[in-house]
């Protein structure tokens, strides 16, 4: 679980020359941090500053981190929280680094937050670029806190009242309707080896900043309590507000880049426009808290009964932090 103080909204300034230099990329989301060599040996003050900037800017970028490998990547990740394994997909090296590769499921091409089909989906994701194509392959991020804040008041009230089902059957990384092959089909079988369904509030209260953020994206299956048609209309309505171009930042990757984002306040989209050129990134996620709605109700794991233990480590979504129903039937209990 995350352990930083709650309800602290950091100031997002245009430039910050503290322990490192931070430059905003636009008015709503994204910043570049310079002068930091990421690794497990960073001092506590620098780690706290990085965390504060992630909370403020939602996603931050570091260039030139070529020294990082799987071990150093994980060592740095542990300074931000507890690394967690993907609930179904094995990691690249037997530990926590998930391979995001273009040749087997890594062409996302859809808006999503990571692993929202479990109640305590990751707080942060740390993505490291290993192989980058000669063109294309950018990633976009969007700020779901500003998307909520800029809704008209009647729409905010409506969103506050809704809950939706998320499922990994809506697989962002393997759905390639124009180019399915055996590798992608195999990835899809692995990704959905255990079928998860979780009920989330459409609006969650961020446990560290107190902001309200929209919880949607490609894993959303339907809105509870309305017809299928109305559910689709509601999802499309709020997702349209999230995806507004003014609310996004686009990153052109270079090898050695690292991106860190607040997975509770963003969605992202890997653009599939690099042809057949390879693109390989490694992602480590940090344990999150059970999402809590505006009404105080937590997210609930609908199925399976608990998050199964992966072959290695703690599974993403197994945390019960923040849930008043922790350990109760149907909640996100400890792994079996």
Protein backbone atom coordinates (compact mmCIF):
# COMPACT_ATOMS: atom_id res chain seq x y z
CA UNK A 1 0.00 0.00 0.00
CA UNK A 2 1.03 3.61 -0.38
CA UNK A 3 2.17 5.41 2.74
CA UNK A 4 2.43 9.11 1.94
CA UNK A 5 0.35 11.66 3.87
CA UNK A 6 -3.23 12.08 2.70
CA UNK A 7 -5.00 15.07 1.23
CA UNK A 8 -1.94 17.06 0.25
CA UNK A 9 -2.27 18.77 -3.13
CA UNK A 10 1.21 19.85 -4.29
CA UNK A 11 1.60 23.07 -6.21
CA UNK A 12 2.28 22.61 -9.93
CA UNK A 13 4.59 25.44 -10.98
CA UNK A 14 6.03 26.09 -14.45
CA UNK A 15 9.60 25.46 -13.28
CA UNK A 16 10.98 24.15 -10.03
CA UNK A 17 14.71 24.24 -9.31
CA UNK A 18 14.72 22.23 -6.07
CA UNK A 19 16.83 19.06 -5.69
CA UNK A 20 16.25 18.61 -9.43
CA UNK A 21 14.91 20.80 -12.21
CA UNK A 22 11.27 20.23 -13.16
CA UNK A 23 9.73 21.77 -16.29
CA UNK A 24 6.02 21.56 -17.08
CA UNK A 25 5.02 20.30 -20.52
CA UNK A 26 1.59 21.97 -20.57
CA UNK A 27 -0.98 23.52 -18.28
CA UNK A 28 -2.77 20.36 -17.14
CA UNK A 29 -0.50 17.33 -17.18
CA UNK A 30 3.11 16.29 -17.58
CA UNK A 31 6.57 17.49 -16.56
CA UNK A 32 10.20 16.63 -17.29
CA UNK A 33 12.57 16.14 -14.36
CA UNK A 34 16.29 16.69 -14.98
CA UNK A 35 19.35 16.13 -12.85
CA UNK A 36 18.29 12.85 -11.22
CA UNK A 37 19.93 9.45 -11.73
CA UNK A 38 17.20 6.97 -10.79
CA UNK A 39 18.09 3.97 -8.65
CA UNK A 40 17.76 2.37 -5.26
CA UNK A 41 20.40 4.64 -3.73
CA UNK A 42 18.42 7.90 -3.98
CA UNK A 43 18.09 9.82 -0.72
CA UNK A 44 14.72 10.20 0.99
CA UNK A 45 14.41 13.92 0.16
CA UNK A 46 14.83 13.30 -3.57
CA UNK A 47 12.34 10.42 -3.54
CA UNK A 48 9.82 12.60 -1.68
CA UNK A 49 10.33 15.38 -4.24
CA UNK A 50 9.75 12.96 -7.13
CA UNK A 51 6.59 11.64 -5.49
CA UNK A 52 5.31 15.18 -4.90
CA UNK A 53 5.89 16.07 -8.56
CA UNK A 54 4.11 12.93 -9.76
CA UNK A 55 1.09 13.87 -7.63
CA UNK A 56 1.19 17.44 -8.94
CA UNK A 57 1.81 16.77 -12.64
CA UNK A 58 0.23 13.25 -12.85
CA UNK A 59 3.05 11.98 -15.10
CA UNK A 60 6.75 12.89 -15.05
CA UNK A 61 9.52 11.96 -17.48
CA UNK A 62 13.25 11.35 -17.11
CA UNK A 63 15.68 11.20 -20.04
CA UNK A 64 19.00 9.36 -20.17
CA UNK A 65 18.41 6.61 -17.60
CA UNK A 66 20.42 4.07 -19.65
CA UNK A 67 22.06 2.67 -16.52
CA UNK A 68 18.80 1.10 -15.34
CA UNK A 69 18.30 -2.62 -15.74
CA UNK A 70 15.67 -4.86 -14.17
CA UNK A 71 17.37 -4.97 -10.78
CA UNK A 72 17.98 -1.21 -10.57
CA UNK A 73 14.49 -0.49 -11.90
CA UNK A 74 12.97 -2.58 -9.12
CA UNK A 75 15.28 -1.09 -6.47
CA UNK A 76 14.09 2.40 -7.39
CA UNK A 77 10.45 1.27 -7.49
CA UNK A 78 10.70 0.04 -3.90
CA UNK A 79 11.48 3.60 -2.79
CA UNK A 80 8.00 4.67 -3.98
CA UNK A 81 6.11 1.74 -2.45
CA UNK A 82 5.60 -2.01 -2.71
CA UNK A 83 6.03 -3.45 -6.22
CA UNK A 84 3.21 -5.78 -7.23
CA UNK A 85 2.98 -8.47 -9.89
CA UNK A 86 0.38 -8.45 -12.64
CA UNK A 87 -2.54 -10.69 -11.60
CA UNK A 88 -2.29 -12.89 -14.71
CA UNK A 89 0.67 -12.00 -16.96
CA UNK A 90 4.12 -13.31 -15.93
CA UNK A 91 6.88 -10.73 -15.55
CA UNK A 92 9.78 -10.44 -17.97
CA UNK A 93 12.47 -11.58 -15.54
CA UNK A 94 10.64 -13.61 -12.91
CA UNK A 95 10.26 -10.58 -10.67
CA UNK A 96 8.10 -7.47 -11.13
CA UNK A 97 9.04 -5.94 -14.49
CA UNK A 98 6.25 -6.62 -17.00
CA UNK A 99 7.35 -6.59 -20.65
CA UNK A 100 5.34 -4.24 -22.87
CA UNK A 101 6.46 -5.48 -26.29
CA UNK A 102 4.96 -4.69 -29.69
CA UNK A 103 5.21 -8.27 -30.94
CA UNK A 104 3.09 -9.89 -28.22
CA UNK A 105 0.35 -7.72 -26.82
CA UNK A 106 2.13 -4.40 -26.30
CA UNK A 107 0.21 -2.36 -28.89
CA UNK A 108 -2.42 -0.98 -26.55
CA UNK A 109 -4.01 1.60 -28.87
CA UNK A 110 -6.80 2.25 -26.34
CA UNK A 111 -7.26 4.52 -23.33
CA UNK A 112 -6.91 2.75 -19.99
CA UNK A 113 -5.59 2.92 -16.43
CA UNK A 114 -3.49 -0.08 -15.42
CA UNK A 115 -5.26 -3.11 -13.93
CA UNK A 116 -8.56 -1.47 -12.94
CA UNK A 117 -10.24 -4.87 -13.01
CA UNK A 118 -9.10 -5.35 -9.37
CA UNK A 119 -10.21 -3.19 -6.41
CA UNK A 120 -6.77 -1.92 -5.27
CA UNK A 121 -5.36 -1.21 -8.70
CA UNK A 122 -1.80 0.21 -8.83
CA UNK A 123 -1.06 3.62 -7.35
CA UNK A 124 1.93 4.32 -9.60
CA UNK A 125 3.41 2.81 -12.75
CA UNK A 126 7.08 3.15 -13.71
CA UNK A 127 7.78 2.53 -17.41
CA UNK A 128 11.30 2.20 -18.83
CA UNK A 129 12.11 2.33 -22.56
CA UNK A 130 14.50 -0.38 -23.80
CA UNK A 131 13.88 -0.60 -27.58
CA UNK A 132 12.24 2.29 -29.44
CA UNK A 133 11.18 2.29 -33.12
CA UNK A 134 12.67 4.83 -35.57
CA UNK A 135 9.29 6.56 -35.75
CA UNK A 136 5.95 6.43 -33.94
CA UNK A 137 5.29 4.44 -30.79
CA UNK A 138 4.50 7.50 -28.65
CA UNK A 139 2.39 7.30 -25.49
CA UNK A 140 -0.33 9.75 -24.45
CA UNK A 141 -1.53 10.44 -20.91
CA UNK A 142 -4.68 12.24 -19.77
CA UNK A 143 -5.53 13.87 -16.44
CA UNK A 144 -8.73 12.34 -15.01
CA UNK A 145 -8.82 14.83 -12.11
CA UNK A 146 -9.08 17.90 -14.34
CA UNK A 147 -11.51 15.99 -16.56
CA UNK A 148 -13.80 15.59 -13.55
CA UNK A 149 -13.28 19.14 -12.25
CA UNK A 150 -14.24 20.66 -15.60
CA UNK A 151 -17.53 18.78 -15.91
CA UNK A 152 -20.68 20.84 -15.58
CA UNK A 153 -22.10 20.58 -12.06
CA UNK A 154 -25.07 18.35 -13.07
CA UNK A 155 -22.65 15.93 -14.77
CA UNK A 156 -20.40 15.85 -11.70
CA UNK A 157 -23.43 15.03 -9.54
CA UNK A 158 -24.44 12.26 -11.93
CA UNK A 159 -20.92 10.81 -12.08
CA UNK A 160 -20.65 10.87 -8.27
CA UNK A 161 -23.69 8.59 -8.04
CA UNK A 162 -22.59 5.92 -10.53
CA UNK A 163 -20.73 2.64 -10.14
CA UNK A 164 -19.35 0.54 -12.98
CA UNK A 165 -18.03 -2.97 -13.58
CA UNK A 166 -14.46 -3.40 -14.87
CA UNK A 167 -13.20 -6.68 -16.36
CA UNK A 168 -9.97 -7.97 -17.88
CA UNK A 169 -12.08 -9.60 -20.58
CA UNK A 170 -11.84 -6.12 -22.11
CA UNK A 171 -8.15 -6.60 -22.87
CA UNK A 172 -6.46 -3.40 -24.06
CA UNK A 173 -3.17 -5.09 -24.93
CA UNK A 174 -4.40 -8.00 -27.03
CA UNK A 175 -7.42 -6.65 -28.90
CA UNK A 176 -6.13 -6.32 -32.46
CA UNK A 177 -9.18 -6.91 -34.68
CA UNK A 178 -7.27 -6.27 -37.91
CA UNK A 179 -4.17 -8.31 -37.15
CA UNK A 180 -4.80 -11.22 -34.80
CA UNK A 181 -2.12 -13.90 -34.90
CA UNK A 182 -1.14 -16.82 -32.69
CA UNK A 183 1.18 -14.73 -30.51
CA UNK A 184 -1.57 -12.23 -29.72
CA UNK A 185 -4.12 -14.98 -29.21
CA UNK A 186 -1.75 -16.67 -26.75
CA UNK A 187 -1.19 -13.38 -24.91
CA UNK A 188 -4.95 -12.93 -24.68
CA UNK A 189 -5.36 -16.41 -23.22
CA UNK A 190 -2.73 -15.63 -20.57
CA UNK A 191 -4.19 -12.19 -19.83
CA UNK A 192 -7.66 -13.63 -19.21
CA UNK A 193 -6.55 -16.94 -17.63
CA UNK A 194 -8.37 -15.76 -14.51
CA UNK A 195 -11.42 -13.66 -15.29
CA UNK A 196 -11.74 -10.66 -12.97
CA UNK A 197 -14.74 -8.41 -12.43
CA UNK A 198 -14.63 -5.47 -10.01
CA UNK A 199 -17.22 -2.83 -9.18
CA UNK A 200 -15.68 0.64 -8.88
CA UNK A 201 -17.21 4.05 -8.22
CA UNK A 202 -17.12 6.10 -11.42
CA UNK A 203 -15.62 8.86 -9.26
CA UNK A 204 -13.03 8.00 -6.61
CA UNK A 205 -11.51 10.25 -3.96
CA UNK A 206 -7.74 10.27 -4.34
CA UNK A 207 -6.22 9.00 -1.06
CA UNK A 208 -3.22 11.37 -1.17
CA UNK A 209 -4.46 14.59 -2.77
CA UNK A 210 -8.19 14.50 -1.95
CA UNK A 211 -8.99 15.18 -5.63
CA UNK A 212 -11.91 13.47 -7.31
CA UNK A 213 -10.93 11.45 -10.39
CA UNK A 214 -12.94 9.61 -13.03
CA UNK A 215 -12.43 5.83 -13.04
CA UNK A 216 -13.18 4.64 -16.56
CA UNK A 217 -11.10 3.43 -19.54
CA UNK A 218 -11.07 0.32 -21.67
CA UNK A 219 -11.63 -2.19 -18.87
CA UNK A 220 -15.10 -0.75 -18.12
CA UNK A 221 -17.79 -3.25 -19.02
CA UNK A 222 -20.98 -1.47 -18.00
CA UNK A 223 -22.54 0.99 -15.56
CA UNK A 224 -24.56 -0.61 -12.78
CA UNK A 225 -28.30 -0.07 -12.54
CA UNK A 226 -29.03 1.13 -16.09
CA UNK A 227 -29.77 -0.53 -19.42
CA UNK A 228 -26.96 -1.64 -21.72
CA UNK A 229 -27.74 1.18 -24.12
CA UNK A 230 -27.78 3.84 -21.40
CA UNK A 231 -24.61 2.36 -19.93
CA UNK A 232 -22.77 2.77 -23.23
CA UNK A 233 -24.03 6.34 -23.59
CA UNK A 234 -22.88 7.25 -20.08
CA UNK A 235 -19.45 5.67 -20.52
CA UNK A 236 -18.95 7.42 -23.85
CA UNK A 237 -20.11 10.75 -22.41
CA UNK A 238 -17.62 10.80 -19.54
CA UNK A 239 -14.81 9.19 -21.53
CA UNK A 240 -15.26 11.91 -24.17
CA UNK A 241 -14.59 14.56 -21.53
CA UNK A 242 -11.53 12.65 -20.32
CA UNK A 243 -10.01 12.38 -23.80
CA UNK A 244 -10.20 16.05 -24.75
CA UNK A 245 -6.89 17.03 -26.44
CA UNK A 246 -6.43 19.94 -24.03
CA UNK A 247 -6.28 17.42 -21.21
CA UNK A 248 -3.46 15.29 -22.65
CA UNK A 249 0.32 15.12 -22.98
CA UNK A 250 2.18 13.12 -25.65
CA UNK A 251 5.65 11.66 -25.06
CA UNK A 252 8.04 10.75 -27.86
CA UNK A 253 10.17 7.97 -26.43
CA UNK A 254 13.94 7.67 -26.57
CA UNK A 255 15.83 4.64 -25.33
CA UNK A 256 16.70 5.15 -21.66
CA UNK A 257 13.59 7.23 -20.91
CA UNK A 258 11.52 6.57 -17.79
CA UNK A 259 7.93 7.69 -17.18
CA UNK A 260 6.26 7.61 -13.75
CA UNK A 261 2.55 8.29 -13.48
CA UNK A 262 -0.19 8.41 -10.89
CA UNK A 263 -2.38 5.55 -12.10
CA UNK A 264 -5.25 6.76 -9.87
CA UNK A 265 -5.48 10.11 -11.69
CA UNK A 266 -4.60 9.28 -15.30
CA UNK A 267 -5.32 7.14 -18.29
CA UNK A 268 -2.77 6.42 -21.01
CA UNK A 269 -2.73 5.27 -24.63
CA UNK A 270 0.12 3.59 -26.50
CA UNK A 271 -0.12 4.68 -30.13
CA UNK A 272 0.23 1.78 -32.60
CA UNK A 273 1.82 3.68 -35.49
CA UNK A 274 5.35 2.28 -35.78
CA UNK A 275 4.66 -0.42 -38.36
CA UNK A 276 6.53 -3.67 -37.79
CA UNK A 277 9.41 -2.03 -35.92
CA UNK A 278 10.04 -3.49 -32.45
CA UNK A 279 9.11 -1.48 -29.36
CA UNK A 280 9.97 -2.87 -25.91
CA UNK A 281 9.31 -1.21 -22.56
CA UNK A 282 9.40 -2.59 -19.00
CA UNK A 283 6.77 -1.63 -16.44
CA UNK A 284 6.74 -2.01 -12.68
CA UNK A 285 3.58 -1.11 -10.76
CA UNK A 286 3.30 0.02 -7.13
CA UNK A 287 0.58 -1.29 -4.82
CA UNK A 288 -2.48 0.93 -4.50
CA UNK A 289 -5.44 1.35 -2.17
CA UNK A 290 -8.98 0.08 -2.61
CA UNK A 291 -10.80 2.88 -4.44
CA UNK A 292 -13.31 4.82 -2.33
CA UNK A 293 -16.25 6.68 -3.86
CA UNK A 294 -17.60 10.10 -2.95
CA UNK A 295 -20.21 8.36 -0.76
CA UNK A 296 -17.50 6.47 1.16
CA UNK A 297 -18.28 3.11 -0.44
CA UNK A 298 -15.23 1.06 -1.50
CA UNK A 299 -14.66 -0.84 -4.69
CA UNK A 300 -15.67 -4.51 -4.47
CA UNK A 301 -14.20 -7.59 -6.14
CA UNK A 302 -17.17 -9.35 -7.73
CA UNK A 303 -15.25 -12.35 -9.06
CA UNK A 304 -13.22 -14.36 -8.25
CA UNK A 305 -13.64 -14.37 -4.47
CA UNK A 306 -10.02 -13.30 -3.91
CA UNK A 307 -7.13 -12.19 -6.10
CA UNK A 308 -5.10 -15.37 -6.76
CA UNK A 309 -1.42 -15.32 -5.89
CA UNK A 310 0.84 -15.02 -8.96
CA UNK A 311 3.91 -17.28 -9.44
CA UNK A 312 6.08 -14.57 -7.87
CA UNK A 313 5.48 -11.77 -5.40
CA UNK A 314 2.41 -9.90 -4.24
CA UNK A 315 -0.43 -9.63 -6.78
CA UNK A 316 -1.68 -6.25 -7.90
CA UNK A 317 -5.05 -5.63 -6.31
CA UNK A 318 -4.51 -7.81 -3.25
CA UNK A 319 -4.19 -4.85 -0.90
CA UNK A 320 -7.12 -4.21 1.45
CA UNK A 321 -5.91 -0.76 2.48
CA UNK A 322 -8.66 1.80 2.58
CA UNK A 323 -11.51 -0.69 2.49
CA UNK A 324 -13.85 -0.86 5.50
CA UNK A 325 -14.96 -4.26 4.19
CA UNK A 326 -11.46 -5.74 3.98
CA UNK A 327 -11.55 -9.49 4.41
CA UNK A 328 -15.33 -9.74 4.01
CA UNK A 329 -16.80 -12.02 1.35
CA UNK A 330 -16.71 -10.31 -2.01
CA UNK A 331 -14.05 -7.82 -0.97
CA UNK A 332 -10.44 -7.71 -2.11
CA UNK A 333 -9.09 -10.06 0.53
CA UNK A 334 -5.64 -11.56 0.87
CA UNK A 335 -4.49 -13.83 -1.96
CA UNK A 336 -5.48 -17.46 -1.73
